[in-house]
Each structure stands twice: as structure tokens, then as C-alpha cells.
Amino acid sequence: MTTFLFKKIDNAGLILFRIFFGILISLESFGAILTGWVKANLVEPTFNFSFIGFEWLNIITGPSMYAYFIIMGITGIFISVGYKYRYSMLAFALLWSCVYLMQKTSYNNHYYLLMLISWIMVFFPANTDLSVDAKNNPELRTTKMHAYYKYIIVLQLTIVYTYASVAKLYADWLDFGFIKVLMQNKADYFLIGEFLQLAWVHKIVAVFGILFDLLIIPALLWKPSRKIAFILAIFFHLFNSIVFQIGIFPYLALAFTVFFFEPQKLRDIFFLKEKKYKVHTLVPPKHKKLIVGIWVIYFLFQLGLPIRHHFFKDNVLWTEEGHRLSWRMMLRSRSGSVTFTTVDKDTSEKKRINLNNYLTKKQRRKIGAYPDFIWQFAQHLKKEAKKENKNIAVYVNSRVSINGKPYQPFIDPKVDLAQEKWHHFKHNNFILPSPK
């Protein structure tokens, strides 16, 4: 194991990935401004649905978020060229983590992966070649690295893809019902809209989605299948980019493939005159046991967190508890309706809340379908009432439809949500049992 993890190997893949990664996160940051994502999610809302426990991050939302994303875009450029790499990478990791935690109206598993990879890259020596840092400090320059840097990326990707594949093994995916619902939203796409409504296309998408996620990493690792796997990866991720419009993730996923190809081939294509590092010498670092211990703990967490929903009461497809941070990607379509009623505990005065006065159109589309959104808004109403020296109870009537099925009652209308606490690692009893 020591030899496997701590031998020195060519660092071409890591250097190349740093360049691609910096470009992509810069495009993501500037693109979020140009496409209106920042405006819709972090400027216009007067109340944000942050991750529970991180509500304090909302103090930095508003017009200042434009400057915030510009700074992130600049750090991406610095990362790509390898300028002050450690500081730039740390700055982006911190800034992106805050963006991820301060809002979930536009939640995406890919944002979570970007956060994890950003923090991982903080600790990687990705600036030791083809970088401004290496040019300014020739002693830093090297064409080798410890092998474990590569295997950390490979293992992280294996976890992501494997969990994504296994999560698809449920009824609505296997009978192609969810794929049909998913594609109905794409019916107006130019040229391919009608094609995406065909039943046989749904079957191919469903089966290919499971097999691709399950087999892509082994296929890239095995040299005889590597080229075919890469071609299929290009097709798969470009299809996702065009049809589902999920930002930089398809291109980030393709950038990861540099860790699977022979370093000399990468150097021949991208580095031109650069020479490879030939001899794989064993050079264990001083704090070998500490390094191994830290990464073992990290990956145990990564293995355990995505399966936590199996220990909760009821079905995650219904409750949503344990869905996030678990690589359950593109698995369901939820819609819901909800009405909030407040009752003044002193005067018994009832008031029906007009959501238009509090939430954006995008937030109103989300709130009825997710229990944590409903709970958070109930807590917000409670805080607003306290400012007026009022003590209120908050009740809701809500109905949810999953994957196009009939709407069903979702939250217990008899429970005062203002008095409820949110449980991260167990079932919240104000969610009604899932329909049979």
C-alpha cells in the first residue's frame, strides 16, 4: 500500500486538470452573472432558502454578489495560470462554499461536487509545472507527484458515479416513467424536441444512464476500453449539456479524464516539448500516517453520508430527507402547492399569507414541494411576527406530486411548524407518511 500510494509518478494529468479547472470555474462565475443566475438567486430575493444552519450567510446577498462572482471569476483565471495558486484555490473554495450553502432554490449535486473538488485541490501540488508560480520560483518546478493525488480523484469520482447509478434502480426510473416526465419539459427544443418524446429514446436514456454511471470509471481505468469509454463520455456529457443545460459539469466531468490517460500521451498532445517523468521512485512523505488518516476519514464520510436516508423513516423519494449530498442526480420531478396560515396566540386572529409578498416566482415554484423550504419559511414568519411583538402559530396545507403522479397531502396541517425543530439526521414527523 505504501508503494501504491507514495511512489512518484508523472504529474501531467494534475497540471492539465488545474488549467482546465481554472478556466471552467472562471466561466461558471462570469456566466452566472451574464445568464442572470446571480440576479435570480442572490440579488432579487429578499429571503433566501439557505442550508439550515447557514442562514447567517444571507447577510452578504444582494447587489454585492455581482462583485463577489467577479472575484471568483478572477481567482479561476489565477488558478488556471498558476498564479499564487494556494491562495487563489483557497479563496475560490471558501467563496464557492458560501455560495453553495447560502441558497438551495437552484440546488444542484454538481455544485456540491465542485465544492468538494475545490477543497481537494487546495491541498494538491497543482502549480509545480506550467505555472506562473513555477516560473517565478524554479525550485518549485517538478514533473512528478505522489501517486495518491491521482487516486484521491479517482476514488472520489468512483463514489459519485457508483452512487448515482445505484440510486437510479427504483421503479419510476426502471419503468421509464420519470424519463417521460423529464423529457416533456424539453418538447419545445429546436429540432430535437419531438425526438426526445419518443418512447424508445426514453428507454435508451434510462438504461444508458445506469450503465454509464456504473461502468465509466472502470472502463477508463482499463486501457483496452479507455478510448471507447472516452468517446462515450463525450457523447453522454454533451447530450446532458445540450438537453439539460447543467452548466460546466459536463465539461468538468470530461476534464477529469486527464487522470486516466498515460501522462506521456497528455504531454505529447498538450505540453509539446515537455519531457515526461520516467522513474517511479518511492518517496514517502514525512507525515505519511497523518495523510493516510485524514483521507481515510474523509472517504468514510463520503461513503456514509449518501446512504443516511436508509436509516430514516419512510422513503427519501417522498420525504426528501437525506436526498441532498448523496449523488441522487436527476432522479425525480417534484411539484407542490402550499398555503400558510398564521394564528395569533394572544388574539386568535388568523391570517392567510400571500407568498407573492415574500418570495420570487422561482422560490414559489419550489417551496410547496420541499419540507425544509416549508419549515424554513414558517420559521421566517415566526421571526417577522416577533419583531412586531406577536406570538404566532404557523399551519400549512400542502400537496405534492412526484414524477407526474396525483397530488397527495404532504405536511400535517395540525402541526404548528413555528414550534417544530428541524432534524438533520432523523425523520421529521410533521411530514405525512408517503402514499402507498
Protein backbone atom coordinates (compact mmCIF):
# COMPACT_ATOMS: atom_id res chain seq x y z
CA MET A 1 0.00 0.00 0.00
CA THR A 2 2.88 2.38 0.78
CA THR A 3 4.37 1.73 -2.65
CA PHE A 4 0.99 2.13 -4.34
CA LEU A 5 0.18 5.46 -2.70
CA PHE A 6 3.55 7.13 -2.27
CA LYS A 7 5.54 6.26 -5.36
CA LYS A 8 6.38 9.26 -7.53
CA ILE A 9 4.56 9.43 -10.85
CA ASP A 10 4.30 11.93 -13.71
CA ASN A 11 2.14 14.91 -12.75
CA ALA A 12 0.96 15.79 -16.27
CA GLY A 13 -2.67 14.91 -15.50
CA LEU A 14 -2.83 17.09 -12.41
CA ILE A 15 -1.19 20.07 -14.11
CA LEU A 16 -3.51 19.83 -17.08
CA PHE A 17 -6.56 19.45 -14.85
CA ARG A 18 -5.59 22.61 -12.95
CA ILE A 19 -5.58 24.56 -16.20
CA PHE A 20 -8.96 23.19 -17.31
CA PHE A 21 -10.44 23.56 -13.83
CA GLY A 22 -9.44 27.21 -13.55
CA ILE A 23 -10.93 28.02 -16.95
CA LEU A 24 -14.19 26.24 -16.15
CA ILE A 25 -14.77 27.84 -12.76
CA SER A 26 -14.00 31.23 -14.25
CA LEU A 27 -16.61 30.62 -16.96
CA GLU A 28 -19.05 29.41 -14.30
CA SER A 29 -18.56 32.55 -12.24
CA PHE A 30 -18.80 35.10 -15.05
CA GLY A 31 -21.53 33.07 -16.76
CA ALA A 32 -23.66 33.13 -13.60
CA ILE A 33 -23.74 36.92 -13.87
CA LEU A 34 -24.37 37.08 -17.63
CA THR A 35 -27.16 34.47 -17.61
CA GLY A 36 -28.99 36.15 -14.74
CA TRP A 37 -28.39 33.29 -12.29
CA VAL A 38 -26.85 35.62 -9.70
CA LYS A 39 -29.67 38.11 -10.08
CA ALA A 40 -32.41 35.48 -9.78
CA ASN A 41 -30.93 33.59 -6.83
CA LEU A 42 -28.85 36.02 -4.81
CA VAL A 43 -29.86 39.59 -5.67
CA GLU A 44 -33.63 39.71 -6.19
CA PRO A 45 -34.81 37.51 -3.27
CA THR A 46 -35.48 39.33 -0.01
CA PHE A 47 -35.47 35.99 1.78
CA ASN A 48 -33.19 33.10 0.82
CA PHE A 49 -33.62 29.40 1.43
CA SER A 50 -30.12 28.64 2.66
CA PHE A 51 -28.93 25.32 4.02
CA ILE A 52 -30.42 25.07 7.50
CA GLY A 53 -27.87 26.36 9.98
CA PHE A 54 -26.25 28.71 7.47
CA GLU A 55 -28.88 31.43 7.44
CA TRP A 56 -26.25 33.91 8.64
CA LEU A 57 -24.71 33.83 5.16
CA ASN A 58 -27.68 35.79 3.84
CA ILE A 59 -26.15 38.99 5.18
CA ILE A 60 -23.89 39.11 2.10
CA THR A 61 -26.61 38.61 -0.51
CA GLY A 62 -27.86 41.46 -2.68
CA PRO A 63 -26.16 43.60 -5.38
CA SER A 64 -22.75 42.97 -3.81
CA MET A 65 -22.98 39.42 -5.16
CA TYR A 66 -22.03 40.71 -8.62
CA ALA A 67 -18.64 41.77 -7.26
CA TYR A 68 -18.47 38.52 -5.31
CA PHE A 69 -18.79 36.45 -8.50
CA ILE A 70 -16.36 38.68 -10.39
CA ILE A 71 -13.78 37.94 -7.69
CA MET A 72 -14.48 34.22 -8.07
CA GLY A 73 -14.01 34.51 -11.81
CA ILE A 74 -10.66 36.23 -11.33
CA THR A 75 -9.49 33.53 -8.92
CA GLY A 76 -10.37 30.99 -11.62
CA ILE A 77 -8.03 32.77 -14.03
CA PHE A 78 -5.29 32.84 -11.39
CA ILE A 79 -5.76 29.11 -10.77
CA SER A 80 -5.57 28.30 -14.46
CA VAL A 81 -2.29 30.15 -14.96
CA GLY A 82 -0.95 29.00 -11.61
CA TYR A 83 -0.54 32.43 -10.04
CA LYS A 84 -0.45 32.43 -6.22
CA TYR A 85 -2.12 29.05 -6.64
CA ARG A 86 -2.63 28.07 -2.99
CA TYR A 87 -4.18 31.41 -2.06
CA SER A 88 -6.29 31.55 -5.22
CA MET A 89 -7.53 27.99 -4.75
CA LEU A 90 -8.31 28.56 -1.09
CA ALA A 91 -10.14 31.80 -1.90
CA PHE A 92 -12.31 30.12 -4.52
CA ALA A 93 -13.05 27.13 -2.27
CA LEU A 94 -14.24 29.45 0.50
CA LEU A 95 -16.25 31.71 -1.79
CA TRP A 96 -17.91 28.84 -3.65
CA SER A 97 -18.72 27.00 -0.41
CA CYS A 98 -20.57 30.10 0.80
CA VAL A 99 -22.50 30.34 -2.48
CA TYR A 100 -23.42 26.69 -2.21
CA LEU A 101 -24.64 26.98 1.38
CA MET A 102 -26.43 30.33 1.15
CA GLN A 103 -29.09 29.19 -1.31
CA LYS A 104 -30.71 25.94 -2.43
CA THR A 105 -33.51 27.22 -4.66
CA SER A 106 -31.21 26.28 -7.54
CA TYR A 107 -29.72 23.27 -5.78
CA ASN A 108 -27.58 21.02 -7.95
CA ASN A 109 -25.49 17.99 -6.96
CA HIS A 110 -22.84 19.26 -9.33
CA TYR A 111 -22.40 22.36 -7.19
CA TYR A 112 -21.63 20.05 -4.27
CA LEU A 113 -19.05 18.16 -6.33
CA LEU A 114 -17.44 21.45 -7.36
CA MET A 115 -17.16 22.40 -3.69
CA LEU A 116 -15.51 19.09 -2.78
CA ILE A 117 -13.06 19.20 -5.67
CA SER A 118 -12.17 22.81 -4.87
CA TRP A 119 -11.19 21.88 -1.32
CA ILE A 120 -9.30 18.81 -2.51
CA MET A 121 -7.34 20.92 -4.99
CA VAL A 122 -6.30 23.30 -2.20
CA PHE A 123 -4.05 20.54 -0.88
CA PHE A 124 -2.74 19.31 -4.25
CA PRO A 125 0.61 20.50 -5.73
CA ALA A 126 -1.03 21.56 -8.98
CA ASN A 127 1.22 24.58 -9.56
CA THR A 128 4.57 22.80 -9.82
CA ASP A 129 4.69 22.96 -13.61
CA LEU A 130 3.37 25.21 -16.39
CA SER A 131 2.53 27.91 -13.88
CA VAL A 132 3.48 31.46 -13.00
CA ASP A 133 4.45 30.19 -9.55
CA ALA A 134 6.94 27.70 -11.02
CA LYS A 135 8.34 30.32 -13.35
CA ASN A 136 8.89 32.77 -10.51
CA ASN A 137 10.28 30.07 -8.23
CA PRO A 138 12.28 27.50 -10.27
CA GLU A 139 12.85 25.39 -7.14
CA LEU A 140 9.13 24.65 -7.11
CA ARG A 141 9.16 23.18 -10.60
CA THR A 142 8.86 19.42 -10.91
CA THR A 143 7.26 16.89 -13.25
CA LYS A 144 6.45 14.36 -10.54
CA MET A 145 4.00 13.91 -7.68
CA HIS A 146 2.93 11.24 -5.22
CA ALA A 147 0.53 8.73 -6.75
CA TYR A 148 -2.10 9.21 -4.06
CA TYR A 149 -3.08 12.59 -5.53
CA LYS A 150 -4.34 10.79 -8.62
CA TYR A 151 -6.10 8.05 -6.67
CA ILE A 152 -7.95 10.53 -4.46
CA ILE A 153 -9.60 11.98 -7.57
CA VAL A 154 -10.30 8.52 -8.97
CA LEU A 155 -11.89 7.34 -5.73
CA GLN A 156 -14.00 10.49 -5.38
CA LEU A 157 -15.32 10.05 -8.92
CA THR A 158 -15.97 6.35 -8.32
CA ILE A 159 -18.14 7.22 -5.32
CA VAL A 160 -20.06 9.87 -7.27
CA TYR A 161 -20.80 7.72 -10.30
CA THR A 162 -21.49 4.50 -8.41
CA TYR A 163 -23.99 6.07 -6.04
CA ALA A 164 -25.62 7.88 -8.97
CA SER A 165 -26.05 4.57 -10.79
CA VAL A 166 -27.44 2.64 -7.81
CA ALA A 167 -29.88 5.44 -6.97
CA LYS A 168 -31.48 5.02 -10.40
CA LEU A 169 -32.56 1.48 -9.56
CA TYR A 170 -36.05 2.40 -8.47
CA ALA A 171 -39.49 1.92 -10.01
CA ASP A 172 -40.09 5.25 -11.75
CA TRP A 173 -36.71 5.10 -13.47
CA LEU A 174 -36.91 1.42 -14.41
CA ASP A 175 -40.38 1.73 -15.94
CA PHE A 176 -39.19 4.89 -17.81
CA GLY A 177 -41.98 6.97 -16.23
CA PHE A 178 -39.64 9.59 -14.82
CA ILE A 179 -37.72 9.88 -18.11
CA LYS A 180 -41.01 10.61 -19.87
CA VAL A 181 -41.84 13.36 -17.36
CA LEU A 182 -38.33 14.76 -17.65
CA MET A 183 -38.45 14.92 -21.44
CA GLN A 184 -41.89 16.52 -21.56
CA ASN A 185 -40.26 19.73 -20.38
CA LYS A 186 -37.98 19.61 -23.43
CA ALA A 187 -40.73 19.29 -26.03
CA ASP A 188 -40.22 22.82 -27.37
CA TYR A 189 -36.47 22.34 -28.02
CA PHE A 190 -35.41 23.25 -31.53
CA LEU A 191 -35.03 20.18 -33.82
CA ILE A 192 -34.70 17.60 -31.02
CA GLY A 193 -37.85 18.41 -29.01
CA GLU A 194 -40.11 15.87 -30.73
CA PHE A 195 -37.31 13.29 -30.87
CA LEU A 196 -36.96 13.43 -27.08
CA GLN A 197 -40.62 12.46 -26.66
CA LEU A 198 -40.21 9.06 -28.33
CA ALA A 199 -40.70 6.04 -26.04
CA TRP A 200 -37.67 4.17 -27.38
CA VAL A 201 -35.49 7.21 -26.68
CA HIS A 202 -36.67 7.16 -23.06
CA LYS A 203 -35.67 3.50 -22.76
CA ILE A 204 -32.19 4.15 -24.16
CA VAL A 205 -31.66 7.17 -21.89
CA ALA A 206 -32.75 5.18 -18.80
CA VAL A 207 -30.63 2.11 -19.48
CA PHE A 208 -27.61 4.04 -20.73
CA GLY A 209 -27.77 6.33 -17.69
CA ILE A 210 -27.49 3.40 -15.28
CA LEU A 211 -24.77 1.57 -17.21
CA PHE A 212 -22.70 4.67 -17.94
CA ASP A 213 -22.58 5.77 -14.31
CA LEU A 214 -21.75 2.26 -13.14
CA LEU A 215 -19.08 1.40 -15.70
CA ILE A 216 -17.41 4.62 -16.84
CA ILE A 217 -14.68 4.70 -14.16
CA PRO A 218 -13.67 1.01 -14.56
CA ALA A 219 -13.75 1.46 -18.34
CA LEU A 220 -11.44 4.49 -18.16
CA LEU A 221 -9.07 2.68 -15.81
CA TRP A 222 -8.77 -0.35 -18.12
CA LYS A 223 -6.52 0.55 -21.03
CA PRO A 224 -8.23 -1.61 -23.73
CA SER A 225 -11.59 0.10 -23.13
CA ARG A 226 -10.27 3.59 -22.38
CA LYS A 227 -10.70 5.18 -25.82
CA ILE A 228 -14.21 3.82 -26.28
CA ALA A 229 -15.13 4.97 -22.78
CA PHE A 230 -13.79 8.45 -23.54
CA ILE A 231 -15.83 8.67 -26.76
CA LEU A 232 -18.97 7.56 -24.90
CA ALA A 233 -18.21 10.09 -22.17
CA ILE A 234 -18.04 12.88 -24.74
CA PHE A 235 -21.40 11.84 -26.18
CA PHE A 236 -23.02 11.38 -22.76
CA HIS A 237 -21.87 14.69 -21.31
CA LEU A 238 -22.54 16.74 -24.43
CA PHE A 239 -26.05 15.24 -24.54
CA ASN A 240 -26.58 16.29 -20.93
CA SER A 241 -25.17 19.75 -21.62
CA ILE A 242 -27.48 20.35 -24.59
CA VAL A 243 -30.65 18.75 -23.22
CA PHE A 244 -30.46 19.54 -19.51
CA GLN A 245 -28.31 22.69 -19.56
CA ILE A 246 -26.44 21.96 -16.32
CA GLY A 247 -23.64 24.48 -16.55
CA ILE A 248 -19.99 23.45 -16.52
CA PHE A 249 -20.47 19.98 -15.04
CA PRO A 250 -20.39 18.02 -18.33
CA TYR A 251 -17.12 19.73 -19.26
CA LEU A 252 -15.71 19.33 -15.75
CA ALA A 253 -16.52 15.62 -15.99
CA LEU A 254 -14.59 15.44 -19.27
CA ALA A 255 -11.69 17.35 -17.71
CA PHE A 256 -11.40 14.62 -15.07
CA THR A 257 -10.47 12.10 -17.78
CA VAL A 258 -6.93 13.50 -17.88
CA PHE A 259 -6.26 11.48 -14.73
CA PHE A 260 -6.90 8.25 -16.64
CA PHE A 261 -4.70 8.69 -19.71
CA GLU A 262 -0.99 7.98 -19.88
CA PRO A 263 0.99 11.09 -18.90
CA GLN A 264 3.24 10.84 -21.94
CA LYS A 265 0.24 10.93 -24.25
CA LEU A 266 -1.00 14.06 -22.46
CA ARG A 267 2.41 15.67 -22.78
CA ASP A 268 2.60 14.81 -26.49
CA ILE A 269 -0.77 16.45 -27.12
CA PHE A 270 -0.78 19.42 -24.74
CA PHE A 271 2.76 20.03 -23.48
CA LEU A 272 4.64 19.75 -26.78
CA LYS A 273 8.32 19.89 -25.79
CA GLU A 274 7.79 18.93 -22.17
CA LYS A 275 9.54 15.75 -21.07
CA LYS A 276 7.90 13.05 -19.02
CA TYR A 277 8.98 11.85 -15.60
CA LYS A 278 10.18 8.31 -16.22
CA VAL A 279 11.34 6.73 -12.97
CA HIS A 280 8.66 5.82 -10.41
CA THR A 281 10.63 6.17 -7.19
CA LEU A 282 9.24 5.56 -3.72
CA VAL A 283 9.47 8.73 -1.63
CA PRO A 284 7.09 8.56 1.37
CA PRO A 285 6.33 11.99 2.90
CA LYS A 286 7.31 12.78 6.47
CA HIS A 287 3.76 12.64 7.82
CA LYS A 288 2.63 9.57 5.91
CA LYS A 289 0.35 8.19 8.65
CA LEU A 290 -1.33 11.56 9.19
CA ILE A 291 -2.00 11.97 5.47
CA VAL A 292 -3.48 8.48 5.20
CA GLY A 293 -5.57 9.01 8.33
CA ILE A 294 -7.07 12.28 7.11
CA TRP A 295 -8.05 10.87 3.74
CA VAL A 296 -9.44 7.66 5.24
CA ILE A 297 -11.73 9.75 7.48
CA TYR A 298 -12.75 11.92 4.52
CA PHE A 299 -13.70 8.96 2.35
CA LEU A 300 -15.52 7.15 5.15
CA PHE A 301 -17.63 10.31 5.40
CA GLN A 302 -18.14 10.33 1.64
CA LEU A 303 -19.22 6.69 1.71
CA GLY A 304 -21.57 7.10 4.67
CA LEU A 305 -23.31 10.42 4.02
CA PRO A 306 -25.07 9.37 0.77
CA ILE A 307 -26.74 6.35 2.40
CA ARG A 308 -28.01 8.10 5.53
CA HIS A 309 -31.56 8.18 4.15
CA HIS A 310 -31.76 4.39 4.53
CA PHE A 311 -31.74 4.93 8.29
CA PHE A 312 -34.61 7.44 8.21
CA LYS A 313 -38.26 6.60 8.45
CA ASP A 314 -40.16 6.48 5.13
CA ASN A 315 -38.97 6.84 1.54
CA VAL A 316 -36.47 9.54 0.58
CA LEU A 317 -38.32 10.00 -2.73
CA TRP A 318 -41.29 11.25 -0.70
CA THR A 319 -39.70 12.95 2.31
CA GLU A 320 -36.58 14.39 0.59
CA GLU A 321 -34.72 13.77 3.87
CA GLY A 322 -31.19 12.68 3.01
CA HIS A 323 -31.55 13.49 -0.68
CA ARG A 324 -29.00 16.27 -0.84
CA LEU A 325 -25.26 15.49 -0.65
CA SER A 326 -25.95 11.93 -1.76
CA TRP A 327 -25.41 11.91 -5.56
CA ARG A 328 -29.09 11.28 -6.21
CA MET A 329 -28.82 13.15 -9.51
CA MET A 330 -31.77 13.83 -11.82
CA LEU A 331 -33.93 11.21 -10.12
CA ARG A 332 -37.30 12.87 -9.65
CA SER A 333 -39.54 15.74 -10.61
CA ARG A 334 -41.43 17.40 -7.77
CA SER A 335 -44.18 19.99 -7.80
CA GLY A 336 -46.34 21.16 -4.94
CA SER A 337 -48.84 23.65 -3.65
CA VAL A 338 -48.85 25.15 -0.17
CA THR A 339 -50.79 27.73 1.81
CA PHE A 340 -49.55 29.23 5.06
CA THR A 341 -51.92 30.37 7.78
CA THR A 342 -50.76 32.20 10.92
CA VAL A 343 -52.73 32.31 14.16
CA ASP A 344 -52.02 34.98 16.76
CA LYS A 345 -51.84 33.08 20.04
CA ASP A 346 -53.00 36.10 22.04
CA THR A 347 -55.92 37.29 19.89
CA SER A 348 -56.69 34.09 17.89
CA GLU A 349 -56.58 36.22 14.75
CA LYS A 350 -56.00 34.14 11.63
CA LYS A 351 -54.14 35.38 8.59
CA ARG A 352 -53.52 33.67 5.28
CA ILE A 353 -50.08 34.53 3.92
CA ASN A 354 -49.69 35.87 0.41
CA LEU A 355 -46.42 34.32 -0.79
CA ASN A 356 -46.13 36.95 -3.53
CA ASN A 357 -45.20 39.45 -0.83
CA TYR A 358 -42.24 37.38 0.34
CA LEU A 359 -40.88 35.16 -2.40
CA THR A 360 -39.81 35.35 -6.02
CA LYS A 361 -41.61 33.36 -8.69
CA LYS A 362 -38.81 30.79 -8.73
CA GLN A 363 -38.97 30.38 -4.96
CA ARG A 364 -42.76 30.00 -5.05
CA ARG A 365 -42.41 27.15 -7.52
CA LYS A 366 -40.06 25.37 -5.12
CA ILE A 367 -41.48 25.95 -1.69
CA GLY A 368 -44.53 23.71 -1.92
CA ALA A 369 -42.56 20.61 -2.87
CA TYR A 370 -39.81 20.52 -0.24
CA PRO A 371 -40.33 20.08 3.51
CA ASP A 372 -37.25 22.04 4.58
CA PHE A 373 -38.37 25.01 2.45
CA ILE A 374 -41.79 24.92 4.11
CA TRP A 375 -40.28 24.65 7.59
CA GLN A 376 -37.79 27.46 6.95
CA PHE A 377 -40.48 29.83 5.72
CA ALA A 378 -42.60 29.05 8.78
CA GLN A 379 -39.63 29.99 10.96
CA HIS A 380 -39.21 33.19 8.96
CA LEU A 381 -42.84 34.13 9.56
CA LYS A 382 -42.34 33.48 13.28
CA LYS A 383 -39.30 35.80 13.39
CA GLU A 384 -41.12 38.53 11.48
CA ALA A 385 -44.01 38.33 13.92
CA LYS A 386 -41.67 38.59 16.90
CA LYS A 387 -40.40 41.90 15.55
CA GLU A 388 -43.98 43.16 15.97
CA ASN A 389 -44.20 41.62 19.45
CA LYS A 390 -46.59 38.94 18.22
CA ASN A 391 -46.54 35.28 19.19
CA ILE A 392 -47.92 33.21 16.33
CA ALA A 393 -48.54 29.63 15.31
CA VAL A 394 -47.96 28.64 11.68
CA TYR A 395 -50.01 25.96 9.93
CA VAL A 396 -49.80 24.77 6.35
CA ASN A 397 -51.91 22.91 3.87
CA SER A 398 -49.71 21.32 1.24
CA ARG A 399 -49.93 18.77 -1.53
CA VAL A 400 -47.11 17.25 -3.55
CA SER A 401 -46.85 15.44 -6.87
CA ILE A 402 -43.79 13.31 -7.63
CA ASN A 403 -42.89 12.28 -11.18
CA GLY A 404 -46.26 13.36 -12.55
CA LYS A 405 -48.34 11.28 -10.13
CA PRO A 406 -51.52 12.66 -8.48
CA TYR A 407 -51.08 15.27 -5.78
CA GLN A 408 -51.09 13.92 -2.22
CA PRO A 409 -51.20 15.64 1.22
CA PHE A 410 -47.65 16.31 2.35
CA ILE A 411 -47.36 18.25 5.63
CA ASP A 412 -49.55 17.60 8.67
CA PRO A 413 -51.95 20.58 8.76
CA LYS A 414 -52.49 20.18 12.52
CA VAL A 415 -48.84 20.79 13.43
CA ASP A 416 -47.65 24.25 14.41
CA LEU A 417 -44.46 24.49 12.36
CA ALA A 418 -43.34 27.55 14.29
CA GLN A 419 -42.72 25.27 17.29
CA GLU A 420 -41.05 22.43 15.38
CA LYS A 421 -37.30 21.84 15.24
CA TRP A 422 -35.58 20.59 12.09
CA HIS A 423 -33.79 17.26 12.39
CA HIS A 424 -30.89 16.70 10.01
CA PHE A 425 -30.27 13.05 10.79
CA LYS A 426 -33.70 11.65 11.56
CA HIS A 427 -37.24 11.84 10.25
CA ASN A 428 -39.29 14.99 10.83
CA ASN A 429 -42.68 13.78 12.00
CA PHE A 430 -44.64 16.71 10.59
CA ILE A 431 -44.14 15.14 7.13
CA LEU A 432 -47.11 12.89 6.44
CA PRO A 433 -46.46 9.22 5.57
CA SER A 434 -45.87 8.51 1.91
CA PRO A 435 -48.91 7.28 -0.05
CA LYS A 436 -48.92 3.58 -0.89
